[in-house]
Each structure stands twice: as C-alpha cells, then as structure tokens.
Amino acid sequence: MSSRIIPAVAADLKEIIFLAKSFDLDLEDVSWQQFVVAKKEKSIIGFGRLRSYLECTEVATVGVISEKRNQGIGTAIVKALIQIAPSEVFVTCVIPDFFLKFGFESVKQYPSVLQKKVDFCKLYDFNDDQIFVMRFNK
C-alpha cells in the first residue's frame, strides 16, 4: 500500500463529506478534526473518524473508494483510529468479521447513544440479526 494514514485537515472535509455521502455513511455532527485520511498523492482514498459522545467513543464513518478496496487501506485506517482512541471504543456495523480481527467483541449491552446508529442501519433494510455493536478494550 503506497498510501499514508494522516490526520485530516480542514481542507479535506468537503471531499470526505462527498465520499461519505456516496457510501451512505454517518455524517451527523461531523468535523474534520475527528478524521484520519488515507491519501495517495493528494487524493483521499479512504477515511475514518472517532466520534466522541459523553458516554463513549465510536469508530465511525470508515470508507475506502471502491477501486482501492481489499488492499489493506481500511485495515490501516481502523488500526490508526484504535491507536489514538481511548482505552474503550465501540463500533456499530454490519460487517462484524472485519472488526473481529482487531479484537472488537460483539456486545448486547452498550451505551444508549449508540441505539441511534443501530436505528440508522435499519433504514437500509438491515435487521437486528445483521447489526452489531462491538467493543474494543486496549
């Protein structure tokens, strides 16, 4: 992988929002300071953010452009986010196997603020058996 994972800068936000919208990802309460980006030359090819709530922190809004998927970029982004995350971090997802490899574990009880993300997934016709809230502890 010849891209690099770096903290986003203010100028990246417009492109992040454009890409995240095209992937139907969560953009609620978004700010550029939450993101890390994978860039190849000057183009963003992937991104992810740590979204902080009063009760918890969540790995959120992780995406990689289609032509760069399955090349380890998403893995590098999640590893970078875990590195800068607090000792406990959550993710709400429909791809649990991807997050299991980092040490995330599925939980049935989670901070109530994450229920909104579970409900967001249901808007895309995922049911309760397909939506996972997972926790990682350092």
Protein backbone atom coordinates (compact mmCIF):
# COMPACT_ATOMS: atom_id res chain seq x y z
CA MET A 1 0.00 0.00 0.00
CA SER A 2 1.57 3.27 -1.05
CA SER A 3 -0.96 5.49 0.70
CA ARG A 4 -0.39 7.04 4.09
CA ILE A 5 -2.76 7.49 7.03
CA ILE A 6 -2.62 11.01 8.44
CA PRO A 7 -4.86 13.32 10.47
CA ALA A 8 -7.34 15.16 8.27
CA VAL A 9 -7.02 18.89 7.74
CA ALA A 10 -9.87 21.38 7.32
CA ALA A 11 -9.46 21.36 3.53
CA ASP A 12 -10.19 17.59 3.47
CA LEU A 13 -13.71 17.88 4.89
CA LYS A 14 -15.51 18.69 1.63
CA GLU A 15 -14.09 15.58 -0.08
CA ILE A 16 -14.72 13.40 2.99
CA ILE A 17 -18.36 14.51 3.10
CA PHE A 18 -18.79 13.91 -0.64
CA LEU A 19 -17.35 10.38 -0.37
CA ALA A 20 -19.17 9.51 2.87
CA LYS A 21 -22.49 10.58 1.35
CA SER A 22 -21.83 8.40 -1.69
CA PHE A 23 -21.23 5.43 0.67
CA ASP A 24 -24.33 6.27 2.83
CA LEU A 25 -22.18 6.70 5.93
CA ASP A 26 -22.97 8.60 9.13
CA LEU A 27 -22.23 12.32 8.84
CA GLU A 28 -24.06 13.55 11.91
CA ASP A 29 -22.07 16.09 13.98
CA VAL A 30 -19.11 15.79 11.65
CA SER A 31 -15.95 17.87 11.92
CA TRP A 32 -12.62 17.48 10.18
CA GLN A 33 -10.77 17.09 13.49
CA GLN A 34 -12.44 13.69 14.02
CA PHE A 35 -10.93 12.12 10.91
CA VAL A 36 -7.85 10.35 9.71
CA VAL A 37 -7.44 10.01 5.96
CA ALA A 38 -5.59 7.72 3.60
CA LYS A 39 -4.12 9.71 0.76
CA LYS A 40 -2.41 8.66 -2.41
CA GLU A 41 -0.58 11.68 -3.66
CA LYS A 42 -3.11 14.43 -2.85
CA SER A 43 -6.33 12.43 -3.27
CA ILE A 44 -8.28 10.94 -0.38
CA ILE A 45 -8.75 7.24 -0.98
CA GLY A 46 -10.09 6.37 2.47
CA PHE A 47 -11.09 7.87 5.79
CA GLY A 48 -12.45 7.12 9.23
CA ARG A 49 -13.32 9.02 12.37
CA LEU A 50 -13.54 8.77 16.10
CA ARG A 51 -16.89 10.14 17.17
CA SER A 52 -16.99 11.14 20.81
CA TYR A 53 -20.13 11.13 22.91
CA LEU A 54 -20.46 11.83 26.64
CA GLU A 55 -20.78 8.09 27.33
CA CYS A 56 -18.34 6.61 24.84
CA THR A 57 -16.20 6.93 21.73
CA GLU A 58 -17.08 5.23 18.46
CA VAL A 59 -15.11 4.27 15.36
CA ALA A 60 -17.39 5.64 12.67
CA THR A 61 -17.70 6.73 9.07
CA VAL A 62 -14.99 4.41 7.74
CA GLY A 63 -14.84 4.23 3.96
CA VAL A 64 -12.47 3.42 1.12
CA ILE A 65 -13.06 4.31 -2.53
CA SER A 66 -14.21 1.27 -4.48
CA GLU A 67 -11.14 0.89 -6.70
CA LYS A 68 -8.86 0.77 -3.63
CA ARG A 69 -10.86 -1.68 -1.51
CA ASN A 70 -9.37 -5.01 -0.39
CA GLN A 71 -5.86 -3.57 -0.37
CA GLY A 72 -5.47 -3.09 3.39
CA ILE A 73 -6.40 0.59 3.47
CA GLY A 74 -9.49 0.13 5.65
CA THR A 75 -7.42 -2.05 8.00
CA ALA A 76 -4.75 0.64 8.25
CA ILE A 77 -7.39 3.30 8.96
CA VAL A 78 -9.02 1.28 11.75
CA LYS A 79 -5.61 0.49 13.28
CA ALA A 80 -4.75 4.21 13.24
CA LEU A 81 -8.06 5.07 14.91
CA ILE A 82 -7.60 2.41 17.58
CA GLN A 83 -4.13 3.77 18.30
CA ILE A 84 -5.46 7.26 19.08
CA ALA A 85 -8.74 6.11 20.69
CA PRO A 86 -9.32 5.98 24.43
CA SER A 87 -8.98 2.62 26.19
CA GLU A 88 -12.54 1.61 25.28
CA VAL A 89 -14.03 2.23 21.85
CA PHE A 90 -17.20 0.99 20.13
CA VAL A 91 -18.26 0.40 16.55
CA THR A 92 -21.73 -0.18 15.14
CA CYS A 93 -21.54 -2.17 11.93
CA VAL A 94 -22.97 -4.75 9.56
CA ILE A 95 -19.53 -6.27 8.83
CA PRO A 96 -18.54 -7.81 12.18
CA ASP A 97 -15.89 -10.13 10.73
CA PHE A 98 -13.86 -7.12 9.61
CA PHE A 99 -13.77 -5.72 13.16
CA LEU A 100 -13.22 -9.06 14.91
CA LYS A 101 -9.68 -9.22 13.51
CA PHE A 102 -8.76 -6.09 15.51
CA GLY A 103 -10.07 -7.53 18.77
CA PHE A 104 -13.55 -5.99 18.79
CA GLU A 105 -16.13 -8.16 20.51
CA SER A 106 -19.87 -8.12 19.95
CA VAL A 107 -21.82 -6.79 22.93
CA LYS A 108 -25.52 -6.88 23.69
CA GLN A 109 -25.40 -4.06 26.23
CA TYR A 110 -23.91 -0.80 25.03
CA PRO A 111 -24.21 2.93 25.67
CA SER A 112 -27.72 4.09 24.80
CA VAL A 113 -26.39 6.79 22.46
CA LEU A 114 -25.38 4.03 20.01
CA GLN A 115 -29.00 2.94 19.58
CA LYS A 116 -29.37 5.82 17.12
CA LYS A 117 -26.68 4.22 14.94
CA VAL A 118 -28.43 0.83 15.15
CA ASP A 119 -31.63 2.53 14.02
CA PHE A 120 -29.70 4.23 11.17
CA CYS A 121 -28.62 0.79 9.91
CA LYS A 122 -32.25 -0.36 9.94
CA LEU A 123 -33.09 2.38 7.44
CA TYR A 124 -31.04 0.35 4.94
CA ASP A 125 -33.10 -2.82 5.50
CA PHE A 126 -30.71 -4.48 7.92
CA ASN A 127 -32.45 -6.34 10.73
CA ASP A 128 -31.35 -6.82 14.36
CA ASP A 129 -29.50 -10.04 13.50
CA GLN A 130 -27.37 -8.21 10.92
CA ILE A 131 -26.43 -5.15 13.03
CA PHE A 132 -23.62 -5.46 15.55
CA VAL A 133 -22.43 -3.15 18.29
CA MET A 134 -18.88 -4.14 19.15
CA ARG A 135 -16.41 -3.00 21.80
CA PHE A 136 -12.63 -2.89 21.84
CA ASN A 137 -10.60 -2.53 25.02
CA LYS A 138 -6.90 -1.74 24.92
